[in-house]
Amino acid sequence: MEVRRQTLSLLSCTLSVCILLSQCEQEVSRTLDLYNHLLNYSRYSPDIIPKCGNDSHVTVKIGMALRDLVEVVEKQQIIRVKVWVRLKWTDCLLQWEPRLFQNQAELVLPYSKIWIPDITLYEGVSDEDNMPGLRDYRASITSTGNVMYNFPTILTIVCKINVAYFPFDQQVCHLKLGSWIYSGKDIDLGKLSDKVDISSFLTHNEWDVVDTVAIRHNIYYACCPDPYPDITFHIHMKRKPIFYVITIIFPCILINLLTFVGFVLPPYSGEKISLQITVLLSTTVFLLLVQDKLPSSSEHFPFLAVYFAVSMGLICISCIFSGIVLFLYYRLPEEHQVPWLARYVFLDKLRVFLCVKGENAINDENCVKIKDIRCLQTGQSLPQQRCVEIHRGRKSRRETNMSFSENGEIPEYDEDSQTKKPLGHCVKGRVIDEWELFAKILDRLFMLIYLFLTIINSAVFFSVVGNYSGQDLPSE
């Protein structure tokens, strides 16, 4: 009984396999019959455009789906995009009656077996193939003759990059597709959609796709009397600026702020000009970074490079200001006196406005006339000029072998010379204090001038890039 049951099971499995094989053979035979019927060389050739009856041309509809922005090379002004190209047309020679082929209504055929329109990318710059992958895929055909040919490809196109508002720029790139040999009387082009399909677009780390549009053109060329239609896909992209703001703009602003430290440092520190020259070199490095990133364009110069160039110019001016301050600070009072006009404008008027505190001699107080100062170690008298320098107590002019009190006063002088005299009788001490105060006032004035120019430079740059709203897409 058990043996009989196993035998029946084996027979049923064998019968099922035979039925499936028979169905597969019928399916293959049916497809092969349809293939031989459609591609019979006596009635069809893939090299001849399929125009039948009253049809004067073949209408090819073009669509595109954007998959990824592979690369945007601003330096060479090219862009590489991964797209899915979609072509659809009607081939009147590839029609059949489904009931004659066991209701088979669809058929998939290789590219080389059927006629395919010679759609070309006009702005392509690829050395090997204009549209890679065009001949590697298969077309889907229905019984009504509708042919759908979809294939993925990576397109390398010329895209004119406007870098004037870098890194807050927006770009519009154009992909122009059309037949290269057939004119409008043979092939008419249409759009599958008014926009590029971005539903499958992969998020890019630097660019966002803002909008897209597809526009049909009918262009007459000088070579030919007939028009040549094309479908142009416009892709509007917007750069994500956060990376460049953090790595270029923000460090440059901080470096420019260091220039103010040069104005705060006292002249006797000896670091005013060296600090500002270091800032100048740092700004030059950032300008070179922008230059390496962007193309050498004479039409659109980036405002960011202008901002860096103006900042470099302001830093150079600050170096000149510091040189003037140091020149006046170390000016010899025995050889030169402050002109009366400069004394009136700067020491009397502008000093109060800039809130610069003056010396006692400048404040019209009485001073002590010192006749003799001696070195505590050697006991020798010091010359008048060195006496005045010690009396002023400048840190850079003090000697290690000279003694001072905690308050910076002269510890040893003639008791008989302590009579107070008016300011006009203390000529040399007053002149020395005037040059130092003159330099201090100019340093404060130059700092305010640099601050004003820096604010103007930054305000103009950020107002220009802040009011930039991007490019508008063309319309039909």
Protein backbone atom coordinates (compact mmCIF):
# COMPACT_ATOMS: atom_id res chain seq x y z
CA MET A 1 0.00 0.00 0.00
CA GLU A 2 2.82 2.31 0.87
CA VAL A 3 4.65 1.47 -2.35
CA ARG A 4 1.58 2.30 -4.40
CA ARG A 5 1.22 5.67 -2.71
CA GLN A 6 4.87 6.57 -3.47
CA THR A 7 4.47 5.49 -7.08
CA LEU A 8 1.41 7.71 -7.58
CA SER A 9 3.24 10.68 -6.03
CA LEU A 10 6.21 10.19 -8.33
CA LEU A 11 3.94 9.99 -11.38
CA SER A 12 2.13 13.20 -10.44
CA CYS A 13 5.43 15.07 -10.03
CA THR A 14 6.66 13.81 -13.36
CA LEU A 15 3.45 14.88 -15.03
CA SER A 16 3.67 18.35 -13.51
CA VAL A 17 7.23 18.78 -14.74
CA CYS A 18 6.23 17.67 -18.22
CA ILE A 19 3.37 20.16 -18.25
CA LEU A 20 5.66 23.00 -17.14
CA LEU A 21 8.25 22.11 -19.74
CA SER A 22 5.56 22.01 -22.36
CA GLN A 23 4.31 25.46 -21.31
CA CYS A 24 7.85 26.85 -21.34
CA GLU A 25 8.42 25.45 -24.79
CA GLN A 26 5.18 26.99 -25.95
CA GLU A 27 6.12 30.33 -24.40
CA VAL A 28 9.55 30.30 -26.03
CA SER A 29 8.06 29.16 -29.30
CA ARG A 30 5.46 31.91 -29.17
CA THR A 31 8.05 34.60 -28.37
CA LEU A 32 10.34 33.27 -31.08
CA ASP A 33 7.52 33.31 -33.62
CA LEU A 34 6.69 36.91 -32.67
CA TYR A 35 10.39 37.86 -32.83
CA ASN A 36 10.77 36.34 -36.30
CA HIS A 37 7.57 37.96 -37.45
CA LEU A 38 8.52 41.47 -36.33
CA LEU A 39 12.20 41.44 -37.29
CA ASN A 40 11.88 39.73 -40.60
CA TYR A 41 14.49 41.36 -42.84
CA SER A 42 11.99 41.39 -45.69
CA ARG A 43 9.78 43.86 -43.81
CA TYR A 44 11.95 45.53 -41.12
CA SER A 45 15.40 47.04 -40.86
CA PRO A 46 16.84 48.79 -37.75
CA ASP A 47 18.71 51.20 -40.01
CA ILE A 48 15.62 52.80 -41.58
CA ILE A 49 13.39 55.29 -39.83
CA PRO A 50 9.88 53.78 -39.42
CA LYS A 51 7.53 56.10 -41.29
CA CYS A 52 4.30 54.48 -42.46
CA GLY A 53 1.32 55.68 -44.46
CA ASN A 54 0.57 59.35 -43.96
CA ASP A 55 3.09 59.79 -41.16
CA SER A 56 5.56 62.42 -42.30
CA HIS A 57 7.70 62.13 -39.17
CA VAL A 58 8.25 60.12 -36.02
CA THR A 59 7.42 61.81 -32.71
CA VAL A 60 9.94 61.01 -30.00
CA LYS A 61 9.14 62.04 -26.45
CA ILE A 62 12.06 62.60 -24.08
CA GLY A 63 12.10 62.55 -20.30
CA MET A 64 14.80 62.53 -17.67
CA ALA A 65 15.20 61.55 -14.03
CA LEU A 66 18.06 63.01 -12.01
CA ARG A 67 19.71 60.42 -9.81
CA ASP A 68 22.87 62.08 -8.47
CA LEU A 69 25.27 64.99 -8.88
CA VAL A 70 28.49 63.08 -9.32
CA GLU A 71 30.85 66.03 -9.51
CA VAL A 72 30.81 69.80 -9.98
CA VAL A 73 34.20 71.08 -11.12
CA GLU A 74 34.12 74.87 -10.84
CA LYS A 75 37.72 75.21 -12.00
CA GLN A 76 36.97 73.61 -15.39
CA GLN A 77 33.29 74.67 -15.46
CA ILE A 78 31.97 71.17 -16.07
CA ILE A 79 29.45 69.04 -14.21
CA ARG A 80 28.89 65.28 -14.14
CA VAL A 81 25.39 64.02 -13.42
CA LYS A 82 23.92 60.55 -13.20
CA VAL A 83 20.55 60.49 -14.95
CA TRP A 84 17.96 58.08 -16.26
CA VAL A 85 17.09 58.97 -19.84
CA ARG A 86 13.60 57.98 -21.00
CA LEU A 87 12.70 57.77 -24.68
CA LYS A 88 9.28 56.93 -26.03
CA TRP A 89 8.03 56.77 -29.63
CA THR A 90 5.75 54.74 -31.90
CA ASP A 91 7.23 52.32 -34.44
CA CYS A 92 4.52 51.45 -36.93
CA LEU A 93 6.52 48.46 -38.20
CA LEU A 94 6.55 46.81 -34.78
CA GLN A 95 2.81 46.32 -34.42
CA TRP A 96 1.06 42.93 -34.19
CA GLU A 97 -2.21 41.33 -33.30
CA PRO A 98 -1.91 39.77 -29.82
CA ARG A 99 -4.51 37.06 -30.43
CA LEU A 100 -2.36 35.61 -33.22
CA PHE A 101 0.45 35.07 -30.71
CA GLN A 102 -1.51 33.68 -27.79
CA ASN A 103 -2.37 37.17 -26.47
CA GLN A 104 1.23 38.23 -26.00
CA ALA A 105 1.09 42.05 -25.87
CA GLU A 106 4.69 42.94 -24.91
CA LEU A 107 8.14 42.09 -26.12
CA VAL A 108 11.65 43.10 -24.98
CA LEU A 109 14.26 43.47 -27.72
CA PRO A 110 17.95 44.44 -27.78
CA TYR A 111 19.05 47.90 -28.82
CA SER A 112 20.73 46.67 -32.00
CA LYS A 113 17.64 44.87 -33.32
CA ILE A 114 15.30 47.85 -33.62
CA TRP A 115 15.48 51.42 -34.84
CA ILE A 116 16.51 53.84 -32.08
CA PRO A 117 16.51 57.64 -32.60
CA ASP A 118 20.01 59.16 -32.53
CA ILE A 119 19.39 61.36 -29.49
CA THR A 120 22.57 63.25 -28.65
CA LEU A 121 23.70 65.43 -25.75
CA TYR A 122 24.76 68.68 -27.36
CA GLU A 123 26.93 69.97 -24.47
CA GLY A 124 28.65 66.66 -23.86
CA VAL A 125 32.43 66.83 -23.31
CA SER A 126 33.21 63.14 -22.81
CA ASP A 127 36.20 61.89 -24.79
CA GLU A 128 34.94 58.32 -25.18
CA ASP A 129 31.18 58.41 -25.53
CA ASN A 130 28.68 61.25 -25.52
CA MET A 131 26.04 59.23 -23.68
CA PRO A 132 27.65 56.15 -22.08
CA GLY A 133 25.35 53.13 -21.82
CA LEU A 134 23.08 54.14 -24.68
CA ARG A 135 23.63 50.84 -26.56
CA ASP A 136 23.83 48.50 -23.57
CA TYR A 137 20.16 48.07 -22.68
CA ARG A 138 16.91 46.75 -24.11
CA ALA A 139 13.71 48.34 -25.28
CA SER A 140 10.17 47.41 -24.26
CA ILE A 141 7.64 47.17 -27.12
CA THR A 142 3.85 46.84 -26.97
CA SER A 143 1.52 45.40 -29.59
CA THR A 144 0.46 48.91 -30.62
CA GLY A 145 4.01 49.74 -31.65
CA ASN A 146 4.83 51.93 -28.64
CA VAL A 147 8.52 51.67 -27.81
CA MET A 148 9.92 52.64 -24.42
CA TYR A 149 13.70 52.78 -24.10
CA ASN A 150 15.06 53.70 -20.68
CA PHE A 151 18.74 53.63 -19.78
CA PRO A 152 20.97 55.06 -17.03
CA THR A 153 24.02 57.11 -17.93
CA ILE A 154 26.55 59.54 -16.51
CA LEU A 155 26.65 62.77 -18.51
CA THR A 156 29.58 65.18 -18.49
CA ILE A 157 28.42 68.59 -19.68
CA VAL A 158 29.68 72.13 -19.90
CA CYS A 159 28.04 74.33 -17.28
CA LYS A 160 29.03 77.98 -17.11
CA ILE A 161 29.69 78.64 -13.44
CA ASN A 162 28.97 82.12 -12.11
CA VAL A 163 31.20 82.40 -9.02
CA ALA A 164 30.49 86.05 -8.22
CA TYR A 165 28.53 85.12 -5.07
CA PHE A 166 30.63 82.15 -3.96
CA PRO A 167 29.98 80.40 -1.55
CA PHE A 168 26.37 81.63 -1.54
CA ASP A 169 25.99 81.07 -5.30
CA GLN A 170 23.32 79.32 -7.28
CA GLN A 171 23.90 77.73 -10.67
CA VAL A 172 21.67 76.74 -13.59
CA CYS A 173 23.02 73.97 -15.82
CA HIS A 174 21.50 72.96 -19.15
CA LEU A 175 21.23 69.52 -20.74
CA LYS A 176 20.24 69.85 -24.39
CA LEU A 177 19.05 66.64 -26.06
CA GLY A 178 18.11 66.27 -29.69
CA SER A 179 18.64 64.32 -32.90
CA TRP A 180 21.95 64.98 -34.56
CA ILE A 181 21.14 63.97 -38.15
CA TYR A 182 17.33 63.99 -38.45
CA SER A 183 15.68 67.38 -38.87
CA GLY A 184 12.20 68.34 -37.78
CA LYS A 185 10.64 66.90 -40.96
CA ASP A 186 11.79 63.41 -39.94
CA ILE A 187 11.76 63.49 -36.12
CA ASP A 188 9.64 65.71 -33.94
CA LEU A 189 10.54 65.92 -30.28
CA GLY A 190 8.16 66.20 -27.34
CA LYS A 191 8.35 66.21 -23.54
CA LEU A 192 7.32 63.37 -21.31
CA SER A 193 7.11 65.88 -18.45
CA ASP A 194 7.58 69.61 -17.89
CA LYS A 195 10.20 68.96 -15.23
CA VAL A 196 13.07 66.65 -14.45
CA ASP A 197 12.05 63.79 -12.19
CA ILE A 198 13.93 64.25 -8.89
CA SER A 199 11.90 61.79 -6.81
CA SER A 200 14.87 59.38 -6.79
CA PHE A 201 17.55 62.05 -6.33
CA LEU A 202 20.25 61.21 -3.80
CA THR A 203 21.04 63.98 -1.30
CA HIS A 204 24.28 65.74 -2.20
CA ASN A 205 26.71 66.98 0.46
CA GLU A 206 27.36 70.35 -1.22
CA TRP A 207 24.48 71.10 -3.61
CA ASP A 208 20.70 71.19 -3.39
CA VAL A 209 18.47 70.93 -6.45
CA VAL A 210 16.05 73.83 -6.12
CA ASP A 211 13.98 73.46 -9.27
CA THR A 212 13.98 71.99 -12.77
CA VAL A 213 12.22 72.67 -16.04
CA ALA A 214 12.11 71.09 -19.51
CA ILE A 215 11.71 73.38 -22.54
CA ARG A 216 11.30 72.50 -26.21
CA HIS A 217 13.09 74.60 -28.83
CA ASN A 218 12.85 74.66 -32.60
CA ILE A 219 16.11 76.05 -33.94
CA TYR A 220 17.19 76.89 -37.48
CA TYR A 221 20.89 76.48 -38.20
CA ALA A 222 22.86 78.13 -40.96
CA CYS A 223 23.76 74.79 -42.54
CA CYS A 224 20.26 73.50 -43.16
CA PRO A 225 16.88 74.89 -44.25
CA ASP A 226 14.81 72.66 -41.94
CA PRO A 227 14.43 73.27 -38.20
CA TYR A 228 16.05 71.03 -35.63
CA PRO A 229 13.97 70.56 -32.46
CA ASP A 230 15.54 69.86 -29.10
CA ILE A 231 14.51 69.36 -25.49
CA THR A 232 16.58 71.32 -22.96
CA PHE A 233 16.49 70.32 -19.31
CA HIS A 234 17.42 73.16 -16.93
CA ILE A 235 18.62 72.20 -13.44
CA HIS A 236 18.71 74.94 -10.79
CA MET A 237 21.24 74.13 -8.04
CA LYS A 238 22.03 75.95 -4.80
CA ARG A 239 25.30 75.53 -2.92
CA LYS A 240 25.33 74.68 0.78
CA PRO A 241 27.65 77.39 2.15
CA ILE A 242 28.13 76.23 5.74
CA PHE A 243 31.43 74.44 5.04
CA TYR A 244 33.04 77.48 3.42
CA VAL A 245 31.66 79.84 6.05
CA ILE A 246 33.31 77.83 8.83
CA THR A 247 36.60 77.11 7.04
CA ILE A 248 37.23 80.36 5.10
CA ILE A 249 35.00 83.33 5.98
CA PHE A 250 34.87 82.96 9.77
CA PRO A 251 38.66 82.45 10.22
CA CYS A 252 39.32 85.43 7.95
CA ILE A 253 37.10 87.66 10.13
CA LEU A 254 38.91 86.49 13.25
CA ILE A 255 42.28 87.17 11.66
CA ASN A 256 41.18 90.68 10.68
CA LEU A 257 40.17 91.31 14.28
CA LEU A 258 43.73 90.56 15.35
CA THR A 259 44.81 93.71 13.53
CA PHE A 260 43.23 95.74 16.34
CA VAL A 261 45.70 94.16 18.75
CA GLY A 262 48.45 95.92 16.80
CA PHE A 263 46.87 99.27 17.61
CA VAL A 264 46.47 98.37 21.29
CA LEU A 265 50.10 97.34 21.76
CA PRO A 266 52.32 100.16 23.06
CA PRO A 267 54.99 101.41 20.65
CA TYR A 268 57.89 100.35 22.89
CA SER A 269 56.76 96.68 22.67
CA GLY A 270 58.32 96.37 19.21
CA GLU A 271 55.57 94.02 17.96
CA LYS A 272 53.10 96.36 16.31
CA ILE A 273 54.19 96.02 12.68
CA SER A 274 55.31 92.38 12.94
CA LEU A 275 51.86 91.34 14.21
CA GLN A 276 50.08 93.14 11.37
CA ILE A 277 52.41 91.66 8.75
CA THR A 278 51.64 88.19 10.13
CA VAL A 279 47.92 88.93 9.77
CA LEU A 280 48.54 90.11 6.20
CA LEU A 281 50.26 86.83 5.30
CA SER A 282 47.42 84.83 6.86
CA THR A 283 44.84 86.70 4.78
CA THR A 284 46.91 85.99 1.67
CA VAL A 285 46.69 82.26 2.41
CA PHE A 286 42.88 82.40 2.49
CA LEU A 287 42.84 84.35 -0.77
CA LEU A 288 44.93 81.60 -2.37
CA LEU A 289 42.46 78.99 -1.13
CA VAL A 290 39.62 80.79 -2.89
CA GLN A 291 41.76 81.14 -6.03
CA ASP A 292 42.47 77.39 -6.16
CA LYS A 293 38.78 76.56 -5.78
CA LEU A 294 37.29 78.88 -8.40
CA PRO A 295 37.88 79.27 -12.15
CA SER A 296 39.95 82.10 -13.58
CA SER A 297 37.04 84.10 -14.95
CA SER A 298 37.22 87.68 -16.15
CA GLU A 299 33.43 87.99 -16.45
CA HIS A 300 32.39 87.23 -12.86
CA PHE A 301 34.97 88.00 -10.18
CA PRO A 302 33.95 86.55 -6.78
CA PHE A 303 32.94 89.11 -4.17
CA LEU A 304 34.64 86.95 -1.55
CA ALA A 305 37.99 87.47 -3.29
CA VAL A 306 37.25 91.21 -3.43
CA TYR A 307 36.52 91.14 0.30
CA PHE A 308 39.84 89.40 0.99
CA ALA A 309 41.71 91.80 -1.30
CA VAL A 310 40.21 94.86 0.40
CA SER A 311 41.02 93.33 3.80
CA MET A 312 44.63 92.88 2.69
CA GLY A 313 44.69 96.52 1.58
CA LEU A 314 43.35 97.66 4.95
CA ILE A 315 45.97 95.61 6.77
CA CYS A 316 48.67 97.22 4.61
CA ILE A 317 47.27 100.61 5.57
CA SER A 318 47.38 99.61 9.24
CA CYS A 319 51.07 98.74 8.82
CA ILE A 320 51.66 102.21 7.39
CA PHE A 321 49.75 103.73 10.31
CA SER A 322 51.89 101.81 12.80
CA GLY A 323 55.04 102.97 11.03
CA ILE A 324 53.93 106.59 11.36
CA VAL A 325 53.15 106.10 15.04
CA LEU A 326 56.56 104.54 15.72
CA PHE A 327 58.30 107.30 13.77
CA LEU A 328 56.67 110.00 15.88
CA TYR A 329 57.08 108.11 19.12
CA TYR A 330 60.86 107.87 18.77
CA ARG A 331 61.34 111.33 17.30
CA LEU A 332 64.19 113.28 18.99
CA PRO A 333 62.81 116.29 20.84
CA GLU A 334 66.15 118.09 20.79
CA GLU A 335 66.06 118.22 16.99
CA HIS A 336 62.37 118.66 16.21
CA GLN A 337 59.40 120.30 17.83
CA VAL A 338 55.71 119.59 17.26
CA PRO A 339 54.34 122.21 14.83
CA TRP A 340 51.90 124.62 16.39
CA LEU A 341 49.07 123.59 14.06
CA ALA A 342 49.53 119.88 14.87
CA ARG A 343 49.71 120.76 18.57
CA TYR A 344 46.46 122.70 18.34
CA VAL A 345 44.56 120.14 16.28
CA PHE A 346 45.80 116.90 17.83
CA LEU A 347 47.10 117.69 21.29
CA ASP A 348 44.50 120.25 22.29
CA LYS A 349 41.32 119.39 20.39
CA LEU A 350 41.44 115.82 19.08
CA ARG A 351 42.97 114.47 22.30
CA VAL A 352 39.85 115.39 24.24
CA PHE A 353 37.58 113.92 21.58
CA LEU A 354 39.49 110.62 21.55
CA CYS A 355 39.68 110.48 25.37
CA VAL A 356 43.48 110.25 25.45
CA LYS A 357 45.03 111.16 28.78
CA GLY A 358 48.03 113.48 28.58
CA GLU A 359 51.20 113.98 30.65
CA ASN A 360 51.51 116.50 33.48
CA ALA A 361 53.46 118.90 31.31
CA ILE A 362 50.76 118.86 28.68
CA ASN A 363 48.13 119.54 31.33
CA ASP A 364 49.77 122.91 32.06
CA GLU A 365 51.08 121.83 35.45
CA ASN A 366 54.40 122.91 36.87
CA CYS A 367 57.34 120.63 36.43
CA VAL A 368 60.60 120.14 38.28
CA LYS A 369 63.73 121.34 36.63
CA ILE A 370 66.38 118.67 37.18
CA LYS A 371 69.98 119.80 37.03
CA ASP A 372 71.99 116.72 37.81
CA ILE A 373 71.37 112.94 37.87
CA ARG A 374 74.11 110.49 38.82
CA CYS A 375 74.46 106.76 38.35
CA LEU A 376 74.29 104.93 41.69
CA GLN A 377 77.00 102.41 40.74
CA THR A 378 79.61 104.68 39.14
CA GLY A 379 78.62 108.06 40.56
CA GLN A 380 79.08 109.72 37.17
CA SER A 381 76.75 112.47 36.03
CA LEU A 382 74.48 111.63 33.10
CA PRO A 383 74.04 113.94 30.11
CA GLN A 384 70.96 116.12 29.84
CA GLN A 385 69.32 113.96 27.16
CA ARG A 386 69.71 110.77 29.22
CA CYS A 387 68.40 112.62 32.25
CA VAL A 388 65.23 113.51 30.42
CA GLU A 389 64.78 109.90 29.24
CA ILE A 390 65.17 108.57 32.78
CA HIS A 391 62.78 111.19 34.07
CA ARG A 392 60.14 110.05 31.61
CA GLY A 393 60.62 106.46 32.79
CA ARG A 394 60.03 104.67 29.47
CA LYS A 395 60.40 100.97 29.84
CA SER A 396 62.37 100.52 26.63
CA ARG A 397 64.90 103.19 27.51
CA ARG A 398 65.75 102.16 31.05
CA GLU A 399 69.24 100.92 31.81
CA THR A 400 70.03 98.07 34.21
CA ASN A 401 72.60 100.14 36.04
CA MET A 402 70.23 103.03 36.81
CA SER A 403 68.05 103.19 39.91
CA PHE A 404 64.43 104.34 40.10
CA SER A 405 61.91 104.58 42.87
CA GLU A 406 58.70 102.57 42.90
CA ASN A 407 56.72 105.56 41.62
CA GLY A 408 59.08 106.11 38.70
CA GLU A 409 60.57 109.28 40.18
CA ILE A 410 64.18 110.31 40.18
CA PRO A 411 65.79 109.07 43.41
CA GLU A 412 68.77 111.44 43.39
CA TYR A 413 68.80 115.10 42.39
CA ASP A 414 69.94 118.45 43.69
CA GLU A 415 67.83 119.74 46.59
CA ASP A 416 68.37 123.35 45.51
CA SER A 417 66.77 122.70 42.13
CA GLN A 418 63.32 121.74 43.41
CA THR A 419 61.78 125.11 42.70
CA LYS A 420 58.60 124.92 40.63
CA LYS A 421 58.65 126.74 37.35
CA PRO A 422 55.98 127.37 34.73
CA LEU A 423 55.56 125.06 31.74
CA GLY A 424 57.27 127.39 29.33
CA HIS A 425 60.53 127.13 31.29
CA CYS A 426 60.58 123.30 31.10
CA VAL A 427 61.02 123.20 27.35
CA LYS A 428 62.84 119.93 26.79
CA GLY A 429 60.63 117.86 29.09
CA ARG A 430 57.47 119.34 27.55
CA VAL A 431 58.59 118.59 23.98
CA ILE A 432 59.39 114.96 24.77
CA ASP A 433 55.97 114.41 26.32
CA GLU A 434 54.30 116.06 23.34
CA TRP A 435 55.83 113.61 20.82
CA GLU A 436 54.79 110.63 22.89
CA LEU A 437 51.29 111.97 23.33
CA PHE A 438 51.13 112.92 19.66
CA ALA A 439 51.95 109.30 18.71
CA LYS A 440 49.37 107.97 21.17
CA ILE A 441 46.64 110.21 19.74
CA LEU A 442 47.46 109.21 16.17
CA ASP A 443 47.44 105.54 17.15
CA ARG A 444 43.93 105.92 18.60
CA LEU A 445 42.79 107.86 15.52
CA PHE A 446 44.22 105.28 13.12
CA MET A 447 42.52 102.47 15.04
CA LEU A 448 39.14 104.18 14.64
CA ILE A 449 39.78 104.74 10.93
CA TYR A 450 40.69 101.07 10.45
CA LEU A 451 37.62 99.99 12.44
CA PHE A 452 35.37 102.16 10.29
CA LEU A 453 36.83 100.88 7.01
CA THR A 454 36.66 97.25 8.17
CA ILE A 455 33.00 97.59 9.15
CA ILE A 456 32.21 99.19 5.79
CA ASN A 457 34.03 96.40 3.94
CA SER A 458 32.22 93.64 5.85
CA ALA A 459 28.83 95.36 5.62
CA VAL A 460 29.10 95.79 1.84
CA PHE A 461 30.16 92.15 1.34
CA PHE A 462 27.41 90.62 3.48
CA SER A 463 24.75 92.95 2.08
CA VAL A 464 25.68 92.00 -1.49
CA VAL A 465 25.69 88.25 -0.89
CA GLY A 466 22.68 88.48 1.42
CA ASN A 467 20.50 90.13 -1.22
CA TYR A 468 21.39 87.54 -3.86
CA SER A 469 18.29 85.52 -4.71
CA GLY A 470 19.77 83.26 -7.38
CA GLN A 471 19.07 82.82 -11.06
CA ASP A 472 15.67 82.43 -12.63
CA LEU A 473 14.88 79.42 -14.76
CA PRO A 474 13.99 80.20 -18.38
CA SER A 475 10.44 79.78 -19.60
CA GLU A 476 8.97 78.90 -22.97
